[in-house]
N, C-alpha and C. Protein backbone atom coordinates (compact mmCIF):
# COMPACT_ATOMS: atom_id res chain seq x y z
N UNK A 1 115.09 83.21 106.26
CA UNK A 1 115.69 83.57 104.89
C UNK A 1 116.85 83.99 104.67
N UNK A 2 117.72 83.58 103.83
CA UNK A 2 119.08 84.07 104.22
C UNK A 2 119.23 84.80 102.79
N UNK A 3 120.39 86.16 103.05
CA UNK A 3 120.68 86.92 102.04
C UNK A 3 122.03 87.14 101.47
N UNK A 4 122.09 87.48 100.70
CA UNK A 4 123.61 87.07 99.78
C UNK A 4 123.92 88.35 99.38
N UNK A 5 125.26 89.17 99.97
CA UNK A 5 125.46 90.27 99.77
C UNK A 5 126.43 89.79 98.25
N UNK A 6 126.46 90.57 96.91
CA UNK A 6 127.49 90.05 96.19
C UNK A 6 127.78 91.43 95.34
N UNK A 7 129.25 90.88 94.81
CA UNK A 7 129.65 91.76 93.99
C UNK A 7 129.78 91.35 92.36
N UNK A 8 129.52 92.12 91.23
CA UNK A 8 129.46 92.07 90.07
C UNK A 8 130.61 92.22 89.30
N UNK A 9 131.17 91.74 87.93
CA UNK A 9 131.75 92.57 87.17
C UNK A 9 131.60 92.58 86.16
N UNK A 10 131.70 93.61 85.11
CA UNK A 10 131.79 93.55 83.99
C UNK A 10 133.15 93.59 83.37
N UNK A 11 133.62 92.38 82.66
CA UNK A 11 134.91 92.29 82.00
C UNK A 11 135.03 93.55 80.72
N UNK A 12 133.89 93.92 80.20
CA UNK A 12 133.91 94.47 78.83
C UNK A 12 134.33 95.94 79.21
N UNK A 13 133.84 96.31 80.56
CA UNK A 13 133.62 97.46 81.17
C UNK A 13 134.55 97.91 82.05
N UNK A 14 135.03 96.89 82.92
CA UNK A 14 135.85 97.19 83.92
C UNK A 14 135.47 97.95 85.18
N UNK A 15 133.95 97.40 85.24
CA UNK A 15 133.41 98.27 86.46
C UNK A 15 132.74 97.03 87.50
N UNK A 16 132.90 97.86 88.43
CA UNK A 16 132.06 96.81 89.80
C UNK A 16 130.66 97.24 90.11
N UNK A 17 129.75 96.17 90.50
CA UNK A 17 128.19 96.35 90.97
C UNK A 17 128.33 95.43 92.29
N UNK A 18 127.91 96.47 93.42
CA UNK A 18 127.69 95.51 94.48
C UNK A 18 126.08 95.80 95.06
N UNK A 19 125.76 94.33 95.41
CA UNK A 19 124.33 94.70 96.03
C UNK A 19 124.02 93.71 96.63
N UNK A 20 122.82 93.63 97.04
CA UNK A 20 122.40 91.95 98.05
C UNK A 20 120.73 91.61 97.74
N UNK A 21 120.55 90.38 97.99
CA UNK A 21 119.35 90.00 97.28
C UNK A 21 118.90 88.63 98.40
N UNK A 22 117.80 88.11 98.27
CA UNK A 22 117.28 86.99 99.05
C UNK A 22 117.47 85.84 97.85
N UNK A 23 117.91 86.12 96.64
CA UNK A 23 117.53 85.28 95.44
C UNK A 23 118.65 85.51 94.39
N UNK A 24 119.69 85.16 94.39
CA UNK A 24 121.28 85.51 93.73
C UNK A 24 120.68 85.25 92.42
N UNK A 25 120.04 83.80 92.03
CA UNK A 25 120.43 83.74 90.51
C UNK A 25 119.19 84.33 89.92
N UNK A 26 117.88 84.69 90.58
CA UNK A 26 116.92 85.41 89.78
C UNK A 26 117.62 87.14 89.70
N UNK A 27 118.29 87.04 90.50
CA UNK A 27 118.87 89.01 90.35
C UNK A 27 120.02 89.07 89.58
N UNK A 28 120.86 87.92 89.22
CA UNK A 28 121.89 88.02 88.10
C UNK A 28 121.00 87.82 86.73
N UNK A 29 119.98 87.38 86.70
CA UNK A 29 119.12 87.53 85.62
C UNK A 29 118.63 88.52 85.17
N UNK A 30 118.53 89.22 86.65
CA UNK A 30 117.88 90.39 86.18
C UNK A 30 118.52 91.76 86.07
N UNK A 31 120.00 91.17 86.52
CA UNK A 31 121.14 92.49 86.00
C UNK A 31 121.50 92.32 84.39
N UNK A 32 121.41 91.08 84.12
CA UNK A 32 121.98 90.63 82.56
C UNK A 32 120.95 90.56 81.65
N UNK A 33 119.78 90.28 81.72
CA UNK A 33 118.74 90.15 80.84
C UNK A 33 117.47 91.26 81.02
N UNK A 34 116.97 91.60 82.11
CA UNK A 34 115.91 92.34 82.38
C UNK A 34 116.63 93.79 82.81
N UNK A 35 115.18 94.62 82.67
CA UNK A 35 115.54 96.02 83.33
C UNK A 35 116.59 96.96 82.52
N UNK A 36 116.58 98.32 82.64
CA UNK A 36 117.23 99.20 81.95
C UNK A 36 117.71 100.11 82.78
N UNK A 37 118.44 100.11 83.80
CA UNK A 37 118.90 100.88 84.45
C UNK A 37 120.30 100.73 84.61
N UNK A 38 121.37 101.14 85.66
CA UNK A 38 122.71 101.43 85.31
C UNK A 38 123.39 100.42 85.08
N UNK A 39 122.81 98.82 85.60
CA UNK A 39 124.07 97.42 85.43
C UNK A 39 123.36 97.10 83.88
N UNK A 40 122.46 97.75 82.97
CA UNK A 40 122.18 97.02 81.60
C UNK A 40 123.13 97.90 80.84
N UNK A 41 123.61 99.00 81.04
CA UNK A 41 124.62 99.54 80.31
C UNK A 41 126.55 98.83 80.15
N UNK A 42 126.60 98.13 81.22
CA UNK A 42 127.48 97.29 81.26
C UNK A 42 127.63 95.67 81.44
N UNK A 43 126.73 95.18 80.53
CA UNK A 43 126.60 93.94 80.60
C UNK A 43 127.39 93.43 79.48
N UNK A 44 127.67 92.34 79.85
CA UNK A 44 127.08 90.98 80.92
C UNK A 44 128.39 91.22 82.15
N UNK A 45 127.42 90.75 83.34
CA UNK A 45 127.74 90.78 84.37
C UNK A 45 128.68 89.58 84.92
N UNK A 46 129.57 89.22 85.83
CA UNK A 46 129.81 87.63 86.01
C UNK A 46 129.94 88.05 87.72
N UNK A 47 129.50 87.04 88.37
CA UNK A 47 129.59 87.05 90.22
C UNK A 47 131.19 87.18 90.29
N UNK A 48 131.67 87.69 91.47
CA UNK A 48 133.27 87.60 91.62
C UNK A 48 133.29 87.43 92.84
N UNK A 49 132.12 87.68 93.68
CA UNK A 49 132.14 87.57 95.57
C UNK A 49 131.10 87.62 95.72
N UNK A 50 130.84 86.82 96.91
CA UNK A 50 129.54 86.70 97.59
C UNK A 50 129.56 86.41 98.97
N UNK A 51 128.81 86.67 99.93
CA UNK A 51 128.93 86.63 101.20
C UNK A 51 127.31 86.36 101.29
N UNK A 52 127.06 85.21 102.16
CA UNK A 52 125.89 85.32 102.63
C UNK A 52 125.49 85.52 104.42
N UNK A 53 124.30 86.05 104.52
CA UNK A 53 124.18 86.41 106.17
C UNK A 53 122.43 86.03 106.60
N UNK A 54 122.19 85.49 107.60
CA UNK A 54 120.80 84.97 107.92
C UNK A 54 120.06 86.67 108.14
N UNK A 55 120.71 87.59 108.35
CA UNK A 55 119.78 88.58 108.79
C UNK A 55 120.08 89.90 107.81
N UNK A 56 118.72 90.22 107.28
CA UNK A 56 118.80 91.23 106.49
C UNK A 56 119.75 92.69 106.73
N UNK A 57 119.32 93.06 108.00
CA UNK A 57 119.90 94.11 108.47
C UNK A 57 121.35 93.75 108.51
N UNK A 58 122.04 92.73 108.92
CA UNK A 58 123.37 92.65 108.65
C UNK A 58 123.76 92.52 107.11
N UNK A 59 123.45 92.04 106.24
CA UNK A 59 123.73 92.23 104.74
C UNK A 59 123.59 93.47 104.18
N UNK A 60 122.74 94.09 105.02
CA UNK A 60 122.81 95.90 104.41
C UNK A 60 123.78 96.49 104.81
N UNK A 61 123.84 96.19 106.06
CA UNK A 61 125.42 96.90 106.61
C UNK A 61 126.25 96.47 106.05
N UNK A 62 126.60 94.92 105.75
CA UNK A 62 128.05 94.56 104.77
C UNK A 62 127.92 94.98 103.46
N UNK A 63 126.67 95.45 102.79
CA UNK A 63 126.85 96.26 101.63
C UNK A 63 127.63 97.75 101.62
N UNK A 64 127.02 97.98 102.84
CA UNK A 64 127.28 99.64 102.98
C UNK A 64 128.55 99.87 103.25
N UNK A 65 129.05 98.84 103.95
CA UNK A 65 130.56 98.81 104.26
C UNK A 65 131.51 98.57 102.80
N UNK A 66 130.81 97.64 102.50
CA UNK A 66 131.64 97.57 100.67
C UNK A 66 131.49 98.71 99.69
N UNK A 67 130.60 99.55 100.17
CA UNK A 67 130.65 100.69 99.22
C UNK A 67 131.20 101.98 99.60
N UNK A 68 132.21 101.54 100.76
CA UNK A 68 132.85 102.27 101.35
C UNK A 68 134.17 102.60 101.27
N UNK A 69 135.39 103.52 101.59
CA UNK A 69 136.44 103.54 100.82
C UNK A 69 137.13 102.47 101.31
N UNK A 70 137.22 101.62 102.50
CA UNK A 70 137.74 100.46 102.90
C UNK A 70 137.02 99.18 102.09
N UNK A 71 135.58 99.40 101.80
CA UNK A 71 135.05 98.16 100.89
C UNK A 71 135.73 98.05 100.07
N UNK A 72 135.85 99.32 98.95
CA UNK A 72 136.55 99.30 97.68
C UNK A 72 137.49 99.22 97.75
N UNK A 73 138.58 99.32 98.38
CA UNK A 73 139.90 98.78 98.71
C UNK A 73 139.71 97.26 98.64
N UNK A 74 139.14 96.40 99.46
CA UNK A 74 138.91 95.34 99.20
C UNK A 74 138.27 94.57 98.03
N UNK A 75 137.42 95.24 97.45
CA UNK A 75 137.05 94.83 96.23
C UNK A 75 138.36 94.66 95.38
N UNK A 76 138.84 95.73 94.98
CA UNK A 76 140.16 95.93 94.12
C UNK A 76 141.16 94.89 94.40
N UNK A 77 141.26 94.44 95.40
CA UNK A 77 142.33 92.93 95.94
C UNK A 77 141.54 91.52 95.59
N UNK A 78 139.98 91.35 95.30
CA UNK A 78 139.70 90.41 94.76
C UNK A 78 140.82 89.78 93.63
């Protein structure tokens, strides 16, 4: 099963969110329409970056890197 690491951006609040999923379409619906967590406060979200992995552990490792200082610098340059 493929896994997608994704970066979302809230145009109205100028915020980024990074995550990973095995179903990006459903996850985006979850961020924009369902739930009441952190992402609900900054709706609507748009996908600005994706990268696919065949291995869940590799996807998690890349997501963790994106949340590091070097990864945040990478996101700023998108």
